[in-house]
């Protein structure tokens, strides 16, 4: 059984990103310094703050994780609302 998402991630958007990455086989760890370490299957890592002070932080982290193999985020929501 894989370990769960760290409980120390307080920001709801960052926690949602961590859950999404975890669902796509990324290892998600909260470091002793309060940062989140995302590691893909190839061992490539990305570090980011667990308490972002800027609204762009989550978007920038998502972009970095896409470069590491995370599939694009579906902006339509769970009910499939959107164009088309």
Protein backbone atom coordinates (compact mmCIF):
# COMPACT_ATOMS: atom_id res chain seq x y z
CA UNK A 1 0.00 0.00 0.00
CA UNK A 2 1.31 3.43 -0.96
CA UNK A 3 1.68 6.06 1.77
CA UNK A 4 -1.04 8.70 1.94
CA UNK A 5 -0.78 12.42 1.20
CA UNK A 6 1.05 14.28 4.01
CA UNK A 7 -1.34 15.92 6.47
CA UNK A 8 0.78 19.09 6.84
CA UNK A 9 -0.39 20.59 3.54
CA UNK A 10 -2.88 23.22 4.74
CA UNK A 11 -3.55 25.15 1.52
CA UNK A 12 -6.59 23.59 -0.19
CA UNK A 13 -5.32 24.20 -3.75
CA UNK A 14 -1.88 22.79 -2.99
CA UNK A 15 -3.48 19.80 -1.24
CA UNK A 16 -5.67 19.17 -4.30
CA UNK A 17 -2.56 19.30 -6.52
CA UNK A 18 -0.80 16.84 -4.20
CA UNK A 19 -3.77 14.47 -4.38
CA UNK A 20 -3.82 14.73 -8.18
CA UNK A 21 -0.08 14.04 -8.43
CA UNK A 22 -0.41 11.12 -5.99
CA UNK A 23 -3.19 9.65 -8.13
CA UNK A 24 -0.77 9.71 -11.09
CA UNK A 25 1.93 7.77 -9.20
CA UNK A 26 3.98 10.70 -7.94
CA UNK A 27 5.49 10.33 -4.49
CA UNK A 28 4.44 13.33 -2.37
CA UNK A 29 6.46 14.13 0.77
CA UNK A 30 6.38 17.06 3.19
CA UNK A 31 9.99 17.98 3.99
CA UNK A 32 11.22 18.99 7.43
CA UNK A 33 11.51 22.56 6.14
CA UNK A 34 7.80 22.74 5.28
CA UNK A 35 8.09 22.27 1.54
CA UNK A 36 6.43 19.65 -0.65
CA UNK A 37 8.63 17.30 -2.66
CA UNK A 38 7.00 15.68 -5.69
CA UNK A 39 8.92 12.75 -7.21
CA UNK A 40 7.88 10.96 -10.42
CA UNK A 41 8.57 7.32 -11.27
CA UNK A 42 11.86 8.25 -12.97
CA UNK A 43 13.10 9.92 -9.77
CA UNK A 44 12.82 13.48 -11.06
CA UNK A 45 11.87 15.92 -8.32
CA UNK A 46 10.10 19.24 -7.89
CA UNK A 47 10.00 21.19 -4.63
CA UNK A 48 7.43 23.86 -3.79
CA UNK A 49 6.07 25.66 -0.75
CA UNK A 50 3.26 23.99 1.16
CA UNK A 51 1.93 27.44 2.13
CA UNK A 52 2.01 29.53 -1.06
CA UNK A 53 2.03 33.31 -0.61
CA UNK A 54 1.25 34.04 -4.26
CA UNK A 55 -1.76 33.00 -6.34
CA UNK A 56 0.58 31.87 -9.13
CA UNK A 57 2.40 29.33 -6.95
CA UNK A 58 -0.08 26.51 -7.50
CA UNK A 59 -0.21 27.17 -11.26
CA UNK A 60 3.59 27.26 -11.47
CA UNK A 61 3.87 24.01 -9.49
CA UNK A 62 1.26 22.38 -11.76
CA UNK A 63 3.25 23.47 -14.85
CA UNK A 64 6.47 22.04 -13.38
CA UNK A 65 4.70 18.74 -12.62
CA UNK A 66 3.33 18.60 -16.17
CA UNK A 67 6.92 18.80 -17.38
CA UNK A 68 7.61 15.79 -15.13
CA UNK A 69 4.73 13.79 -16.60
CA UNK A 70 1.53 14.87 -14.82
CA UNK A 71 -1.36 14.89 -17.33
CA UNK A 72 -3.00 18.28 -18.05
CA UNK A 73 -5.59 19.42 -15.53
CA UNK A 74 -9.24 19.19 -16.60
CA UNK A 75 -10.73 22.64 -15.84
CA UNK A 76 -14.31 21.53 -16.52
CA UNK A 77 -14.89 20.02 -13.09
CA UNK A 78 -16.27 16.64 -12.12
CA UNK A 79 -19.68 17.13 -13.73
CA UNK A 80 -18.22 17.77 -17.20
CA UNK A 81 -19.48 21.32 -17.50
CA UNK A 82 -17.94 23.38 -20.23
CA UNK A 83 -18.00 23.86 -23.95
CA UNK A 84 -18.75 20.94 -26.19
